[in-house]
Protein backbone atom coordinates (compact mmCIF):
# COMPACT_ATOMS: atom_id res chain seq x y z
CA UNK A 1 0.00 0.00 0.00
CA UNK A 2 1.33 3.42 -0.87
CA UNK A 3 2.06 6.06 1.73
CA UNK A 4 -0.81 8.23 0.56
CA UNK A 5 -3.27 5.32 0.73
CA UNK A 6 -2.09 4.42 4.23
CA UNK A 7 -2.62 7.99 5.38
CA UNK A 8 -6.01 8.13 3.65
CA UNK A 9 -7.05 4.89 5.39
CA UNK A 10 -5.97 6.30 8.73
CA UNK A 11 -8.01 9.44 8.11
CA UNK A 12 -11.10 7.41 7.18
CA UNK A 13 -10.76 5.29 10.31
CA UNK A 14 -10.45 8.41 12.42
CA UNK A 15 -13.49 9.96 10.74
CA UNK A 16 -15.57 6.93 11.68
CA UNK A 17 -15.03 7.62 15.36
CA UNK A 18 -14.87 11.41 15.33
CA UNK A 19 -17.96 13.60 15.39
CA UNK A 20 -18.26 15.16 11.96
CA UNK A 21 -14.83 16.59 11.43
CA UNK A 22 -11.86 15.80 9.24
CA UNK A 23 -8.34 15.96 10.59
CA UNK A 24 -5.92 18.05 8.57
CA UNK A 25 -2.98 15.69 8.98
CA UNK A 26 0.09 17.20 10.60
CA UNK A 27 3.33 17.25 8.64
CA UNK A 28 4.80 13.86 7.81
CA UNK A 29 8.61 13.68 7.73
CA UNK A 30 9.99 12.98 4.27
CA UNK A 31 11.79 9.91 5.62
CA UNK A 32 8.45 8.17 6.25
CA UNK A 33 7.94 6.81 2.76
CA UNK A 34 7.31 3.20 3.77
CA UNK A 35 5.39 0.45 1.98
CA UNK A 36 2.89 -2.05 3.35
CA UNK A 37 5.78 -4.21 4.55
CA UNK A 38 6.84 -1.43 6.88
CA UNK A 39 3.51 -1.37 8.70
CA UNK A 40 1.36 1.71 9.38
CA UNK A 41 3.06 5.06 9.11
CA UNK A 42 2.99 6.87 12.47
CA UNK A 43 1.59 10.39 12.24
CA UNK A 44 3.28 13.03 14.41
CA UNK A 45 1.35 14.61 17.25
CA UNK A 46 -0.49 17.86 16.40
CA UNK A 47 1.73 20.88 16.63
CA UNK A 48 4.96 18.96 16.12
CA UNK A 49 5.38 19.87 12.49
CA UNK A 50 7.86 22.21 10.89
CA UNK A 51 7.07 25.84 11.60
CA UNK A 52 7.64 29.00 9.59
CA UNK A 53 10.22 29.86 12.22
CA UNK A 54 12.49 26.87 11.66
CA UNK A 55 15.06 26.17 8.99
CA UNK A 56 13.37 24.20 6.22
CA UNK A 57 15.46 21.95 3.99
CA UNK A 58 14.62 21.84 0.30
CA UNK A 59 12.22 19.00 -0.41
CA UNK A 60 11.23 18.39 3.21
CA UNK A 61 7.54 17.94 3.94
CA UNK A 62 6.52 21.11 5.74
CA UNK A 63 2.77 21.18 5.57
CA UNK A 64 -0.60 19.51 5.41
CA UNK A 65 -1.55 17.87 2.15
CA UNK A 66 -3.70 14.82 2.85
CA UNK A 67 -7.14 16.46 2.94
CA UNK A 68 -7.54 18.00 -0.48
CA UNK A 69 -9.74 20.88 -1.57
CA UNK A 70 -12.62 19.82 -3.84
CA UNK A 71 -11.53 22.01 -6.76
CA UNK A 72 -8.22 22.95 -8.33
CA UNK A 73 -6.66 26.39 -8.82
CA UNK A 74 -7.39 27.74 -5.35
CA UNK A 75 -6.25 31.34 -5.17
CA UNK A 76 -6.69 33.67 -2.20
CA UNK A 77 -7.66 33.01 1.40
CA UNK A 78 -9.30 35.27 4.01
CA UNK A 79 -10.40 34.61 7.60
CA UNK A 80 -13.90 35.67 8.67
CA UNK A 81 -14.36 37.65 11.88
CA UNK A 82 -18.12 37.21 12.15
CA UNK A 83 -17.91 33.42 11.89
CA UNK A 84 -14.93 32.12 13.89
CA UNK A 85 -12.87 29.45 12.18
CA UNK A 86 -14.33 30.14 8.71
CA UNK A 87 -12.00 30.99 5.82
CA UNK A 88 -12.99 31.97 2.30
CA UNK A 89 -11.06 31.00 -0.81
CA UNK A 90 -11.67 31.38 -4.52
CA UNK A 91 -10.56 29.96 -7.86
CA UNK A 92 -8.78 31.94 -10.51
CA UNK A 93 -9.99 32.24 -14.10
CA UNK A 94 -10.62 29.20 -16.28
CA UNK A 95 -13.16 26.55 -17.19
CA UNK A 96 -16.00 25.81 -14.78
CA UNK A 97 -18.77 23.32 -14.09
CA UNK A 98 -21.90 23.53 -11.95
CA UNK A 99 -20.11 21.54 -9.23
CA UNK A 100 -16.86 23.51 -9.54
CA UNK A 101 -17.81 27.08 -10.46
CA UNK A 102 -15.46 30.04 -10.84
CA UNK A 103 -17.72 32.99 -9.99
CA UNK A 104 -18.12 31.77 -6.42
CA UNK A 105 -16.47 31.88 -3.02
CA UNK A 106 -15.72 28.66 -1.20
CA UNK A 107 -15.58 28.17 2.58
CA UNK A 108 -13.55 26.00 4.92
CA UNK A 109 -13.75 25.89 8.72
CA UNK A 110 -10.54 25.15 10.60
CA UNK A 111 -9.93 25.17 14.34
CA UNK A 112 -6.71 26.05 16.14
CA UNK A 113 -5.63 22.39 16.18
CA UNK A 114 -5.92 21.99 12.43
CA UNK A 115 -9.24 20.14 12.31
CA UNK A 116 -11.55 20.85 9.38
CA UNK A 117 -15.21 21.07 10.44
CA UNK A 118 -18.44 21.16 8.42
CA UNK A 119 -19.52 24.63 7.39
CA UNK A 120 -22.97 24.03 5.92
CA UNK A 121 -25.20 20.99 6.54
CA UNK A 122 -22.33 18.53 6.77
CA UNK A 123 -20.33 20.05 3.93
CA UNK A 124 -16.69 20.79 4.67
CA UNK A 125 -16.11 22.83 1.51
CA UNK A 126 -19.37 24.53 0.42
CA UNK A 127 -19.49 27.37 -2.08
CA UNK A 128 -21.87 30.24 -2.80
CA UNK A 129 -22.19 32.23 -6.01
CA UNK A 130 -21.06 35.83 -6.39
CA UNK A 131 -23.73 37.88 -8.16
CA UNK A 132 -22.76 40.37 -10.87
CA UNK A 133 -19.03 39.61 -10.86
CA UNK A 134 -17.42 37.80 -13.77
CA UNK A 135 -14.26 35.86 -12.98
CA UNK A 136 -11.77 37.21 -15.48
CA UNK A 137 -8.81 36.11 -13.37
CA UNK A 138 -9.63 36.30 -9.67
CA UNK A 139 -6.47 36.05 -7.62
CA UNK A 140 -7.04 37.15 -4.03
CA UNK A 141 -9.63 37.99 -1.40
CA UNK A 142 -9.34 40.20 1.70
CA UNK A 143 -11.62 41.28 4.54
CA UNK A 144 -11.97 45.00 5.32
CA UNK A 145 -12.60 46.71 8.67
CA UNK A 146 -16.38 46.50 8.19
CA UNK A 147 -16.37 42.77 7.39
CA UNK A 148 -16.87 43.24 3.66
CA UNK A 149 -15.01 40.84 1.40
CA UNK A 150 -12.98 42.30 -1.48
CA UNK A 151 -12.32 40.11 -4.50
CA UNK A 152 -9.26 40.99 -6.54
CA UNK A 153 -9.86 40.32 -10.23
CA UNK A 154 -6.25 41.40 -10.68
CA UNK A 155 -4.59 38.69 -12.76
CA UNK A 156 -3.23 39.95 -16.07
CA UNK A 157 -0.83 37.39 -17.50
CA UNK A 158 -1.01 39.17 -20.86
CA UNK A 159 -0.31 42.55 -19.12
CA UNK A 160 -3.30 44.02 -20.97
CA UNK A 161 -6.42 42.54 -19.36
CA UNK A 162 -8.81 44.95 -17.63
CA UNK A 163 -8.61 44.39 -13.87
CA UNK A 164 -11.32 44.98 -11.26
CA UNK A 165 -12.00 45.08 -7.54
CA UNK A 166 -15.34 43.73 -6.28
CA UNK A 167 -16.68 44.68 -2.85
CA UNK A 168 -19.11 42.06 -1.53
CA UNK A 169 -21.23 41.50 1.56
CA UNK A 170 -20.54 38.42 3.68
CA UNK A 171 -23.59 36.16 4.09
CA UNK A 172 -23.96 33.52 6.78
CA UNK A 173 -21.88 30.60 5.41
CA UNK A 174 -24.36 28.13 6.95
CA UNK A 175 -27.00 29.31 4.45
CA UNK A 176 -27.30 29.19 0.67
CA UNK A 177 -27.31 32.98 0.42
CA UNK A 178 -25.06 34.36 -2.35
CA UNK A 179 -22.37 37.00 -2.09
CA UNK A 180 -23.80 40.32 -3.29
CA UNK A 181 -21.51 42.81 -5.03
CA UNK A 182 -22.11 46.34 -3.75
CA UNK A 183 -19.30 48.10 -5.63
CA UNK A 184 -17.08 47.43 -8.64
CA UNK A 185 -13.92 49.38 -9.44
CA UNK A 186 -11.87 49.04 -12.64
CA UNK A 187 -8.15 49.60 -12.15
CA UNK A 188 -4.81 49.46 -13.93
CA UNK A 189 -1.23 49.81 -12.73
CA UNK A 190 0.28 53.24 -13.46
CA UNK A 191 3.72 51.92 -14.49
CA UNK A 192 3.35 49.00 -16.92
CA UNK A 193 6.25 47.68 -18.95
CA UNK A 194 6.65 48.96 -22.53
CA UNK A 195 3.94 47.49 -24.73
CA UNK A 196 1.71 46.69 -21.74
CA UNK A 197 -1.38 48.34 -20.30
CA UNK A 198 -1.01 47.08 -16.72
CA UNK A 199 0.91 44.67 -14.50
CA UNK A 200 0.07 41.17 -13.36
CA UNK A 201 -0.85 40.81 -9.67
CA UNK A 202 -1.95 38.03 -7.34
CA UNK A 203 -1.69 39.36 -3.76
CA UNK A 204 -3.63 41.96 -1.76
CA UNK A 205 -3.64 43.15 1.85
CA UNK A 206 -6.10 45.22 3.90
CA UNK A 207 -4.47 47.32 6.62
CA UNK A 208 -5.74 50.25 8.69
CA UNK A 209 -8.58 51.19 6.37
CA UNK A 210 -6.58 50.85 3.16
CA UNK A 211 -6.34 48.22 0.44
CA UNK A 212 -2.90 47.33 -0.94
CA UNK A 213 -1.89 45.34 -4.03
CA UNK A 214 1.47 43.73 -4.81
CA UNK A 215 2.64 43.47 -8.42
CA UNK A 216 3.84 39.99 -9.34
CA UNK A 217 7.37 41.06 -10.21
CA UNK A 218 10.91 41.09 -8.85
CA UNK A 219 10.97 42.43 -5.27
CA UNK A 220 7.14 42.55 -5.27
CA UNK A 221 6.38 46.28 -5.76
CA UNK A 222 3.59 47.53 -3.48
CA UNK A 223 0.73 49.94 -4.29
CA UNK A 224 -1.98 51.53 -2.17
CA UNK A 225 -5.43 51.59 -3.77
CA UNK A 226 -7.10 55.01 -3.95
CA UNK A 227 -10.82 54.31 -4.16
CA UNK A 228 -13.00 56.85 -6.03
CA UNK A 229 -16.14 58.49 -4.70
CA UNK A 230 -18.31 56.78 -7.32
CA UNK A 231 -18.86 53.05 -6.95
CA UNK A 232 -18.21 52.34 -10.61
CA UNK A 233 -15.36 54.78 -11.22
CA UNK A 234 -11.75 53.77 -11.75
CA UNK A 235 -9.55 53.09 -8.72
CA UNK A 236 -6.04 54.55 -8.77
CA UNK A 237 -2.85 52.86 -7.56
CA UNK A 238 -0.21 54.81 -5.64
CA UNK A 239 3.29 53.22 -5.72
CA UNK A 240 4.87 52.80 -2.27
CA UNK A 241 8.13 51.01 -3.07
CA UNK A 242 9.39 47.45 -3.21
CA UNK A 243 11.05 44.92 -0.93
CA UNK A 244 14.79 45.14 -0.46
CA UNK A 245 14.82 41.36 -0.02
CA UNK A 246 14.38 38.89 -2.86
CA UNK A 247 10.75 38.17 -2.02
CA UNK A 248 9.91 37.89 -5.68
CA UNK A 249 6.65 37.52 -7.62
CA UNK A 250 4.46 36.82 -4.63
CA UNK A 251 0.98 35.34 -4.73
CA UNK A 252 0.23 35.59 -0.97
CA UNK A 253 0.46 38.32 1.66
CA UNK A 254 -0.91 38.09 5.20
CA UNK A 255 -0.35 40.02 8.45
CA UNK A 256 -0.78 38.48 11.92
CA UNK A 257 -3.46 39.93 14.19
CA UNK A 258 -0.83 41.29 16.59
CA UNK A 259 0.80 43.09 13.62
CA UNK A 260 4.24 41.65 14.40
CA UNK A 261 4.64 39.33 11.41
CA UNK A 262 4.10 39.68 7.70
CA UNK A 263 4.24 36.51 5.63
CA UNK A 264 4.61 36.58 1.86
CA UNK A 265 4.57 33.52 -0.37
CA UNK A 266 5.13 32.60 -3.97
CA UNK A 267 4.30 29.34 -5.68
CA UNK A 268 7.24 27.54 -4.06
CA UNK A 269 8.68 29.69 -1.26
CA UNK A 270 7.45 31.69 1.71
CA UNK A 271 9.11 34.57 3.56
CA UNK A 272 8.40 35.72 7.14
CA UNK A 273 9.17 39.34 8.06
CA UNK A 274 8.93 40.97 11.47
CA UNK A 275 6.92 44.19 11.56
CA UNK A 276 6.62 47.10 13.98
CA UNK A 277 3.10 47.00 15.50
CA UNK A 278 3.40 50.63 16.61
CA UNK A 279 3.38 51.79 12.98
CA UNK A 280 0.28 52.30 10.84
CA UNK A 281 -0.63 51.57 7.24
CA UNK A 282 1.93 52.85 4.74
CA UNK A 283 4.56 53.34 7.44
CA UNK A 284 4.31 49.75 8.68
CA UNK A 285 4.63 48.35 5.18
CA UNK A 286 7.42 50.70 4.10
CA UNK A 287 9.34 49.70 7.22
CA UNK A 288 8.77 46.00 6.49
CA UNK A 289 10.04 46.47 2.93
CA UNK A 290 13.41 47.64 4.24
CA UNK A 291 13.90 44.48 6.32
CA UNK A 292 15.28 41.08 5.47
CA UNK A 293 13.06 38.06 6.14
CA UNK A 294 13.74 36.37 9.46
CA UNK A 295 12.75 32.98 8.05
CA UNK A 296 12.39 31.52 4.59
CA UNK A 297 10.84 28.17 3.72
CA UNK A 298 9.99 26.03 0.73
CA UNK A 299 6.74 24.17 0.18
CA UNK A 300 7.03 20.45 -0.65
CA UNK A 301 7.39 19.66 -4.34
CA UNK A 302 6.21 16.13 -5.13
CA UNK A 303 7.77 14.85 -8.34
CA UNK A 304 9.72 18.09 -8.54
CA UNK A 305 6.62 20.15 -9.30
CA UNK A 306 5.67 23.29 -7.40
CA UNK A 307 2.46 23.19 -5.38
CA UNK A 308 1.62 26.64 -6.80
CA UNK A 309 0.54 28.17 -3.49
CA UNK A 310 -1.71 31.17 -4.20
CA UNK A 311 -3.69 31.77 -1.00
CA UNK A 312 -2.73 32.21 2.63
CA UNK A 313 -3.88 33.68 5.93
CA UNK A 314 -2.78 33.75 9.54
CA UNK A 315 -5.19 31.94 11.82
CA UNK A 316 -6.90 34.67 13.89
CA UNK A 317 -5.15 35.33 17.18
CA UNK A 318 -2.17 33.12 16.36
CA UNK A 319 1.05 32.90 14.38
CA UNK A 320 -0.03 29.74 12.56
CA UNK A 321 -0.45 30.18 8.81
CA UNK A 322 -2.93 28.36 6.57
CA UNK A 323 -2.19 28.12 2.83
CA UNK A 324 -4.12 26.75 -0.15
CA UNK A 325 -2.56 25.69 -3.44
CA UNK A 326 -3.65 25.34 -7.04
CA UNK A 327 -3.06 21.57 -6.88
CA UNK A 328 -5.81 21.27 -4.19
CA UNK A 329 -3.45 20.85 -1.24
CA UNK A 330 -3.90 22.60 2.11
CA UNK A 331 -0.83 23.60 4.10
CA UNK A 332 -0.87 24.40 7.81
CA UNK A 333 2.39 25.83 9.14
CA UNK A 334 2.25 25.84 12.95
CA UNK A 335 4.16 28.41 14.93
CA UNK A 336 7.03 27.20 17.09
CA UNK A 337 7.19 30.27 19.26
CA UNK A 338 8.74 32.86 16.98
CA UNK A 339 12.26 34.25 17.09
CA UNK A 340 14.43 32.28 19.47
CA UNK A 341 12.56 29.03 18.89
CA UNK A 342 14.30 25.88 17.57
CA UNK A 343 15.71 26.32 14.11
CA UNK A 344 16.85 29.64 12.80
CA UNK A 345 16.89 32.04 9.91
CA UNK A 346 17.85 30.74 6.52
CA UNK A 347 21.17 32.19 5.44
CA UNK A 348 22.23 33.48 2.05
CA UNK A 349 22.77 29.94 0.79
CA UNK A 350 19.38 28.66 1.98
CA UNK A 351 16.20 28.19 -0.01
CA UNK A 352 15.55 31.91 -0.06
CA UNK A 353 18.54 32.39 -2.33
CA UNK A 354 16.54 31.02 -5.22
CA UNK A 355 14.20 33.38 -7.01
CA UNK A 356 10.46 32.79 -6.94
CA UNK A 357 8.32 31.39 -9.71
CA UNK A 358 7.95 33.19 -12.99
CA UNK A 359 5.75 36.20 -13.55
CA UNK A 360 3.44 34.10 -15.67
CA UNK A 361 2.13 30.60 -15.07
């Protein structure tokens, strides 16, 4: 029996005795690749996995991947405040079916121990449609200070596609109510490359009443969104600078609730920066951009292929980070206590020395 089948069997056995929840399996060391002759593979205790604050060797299993999402090309992840434990994710542009739509937001409910619980009538991964919002190339989703969800239709692999921001109301995820768009803002980057109309982007961040977008480029240039007075007028982007570190072509950005850590991620790597919680908005981010990451890690790459991580969020009130990937995998990176914990920063020769994935998929 293969390793994956053994783990799947263990999960099914656990589900038979647990009350309606699925365990997001903790990290499994790469050395545990046994066959049926080796007997059952022991799963580590919860919380004993590799953390974003430990040195991560290339190719080492660092995250959860045994409970898959029901649809591919997950992109974006945002934690609800009104409904504790609920996270929303979306799919980027492409083909769709009635069972796997694109113009929809999907939900997952995860507790602090990494258990996935039903969200709606026994469903662990329900979705609800988004009215009046075409999915050109949705890439990220963020929650604002008033609990509205913002969808970033900001992908532009051809550097010419019209991009949009959609502001939506959050329904109760336990119902079939759709997400209603209350505002739509076209936008374009002010500094495209020659021959282009805009820049490709995949990551957004809401901070202190402002929306920020990162261009998917070298050193991940950052822009603040200037929203217009009219709900259908064009939004403007104000350049704020770029990272001094080689945090390149990111697809994920997330800030911890205590405002002390900013995690960025690309398809293959993630970077953890410390931030000054006394600073606000632009100042906090500009300060972070001058710093070097305190830890750098690499997501597992089965068969040498990147997981293509495109969504991530800190778990509310913690330093644990949840990621979703285009290949359906879910990654949970538990905190080991922050700076001073076992492990240490990756040096110049570590995984962070490699550049991120390309600007275009």
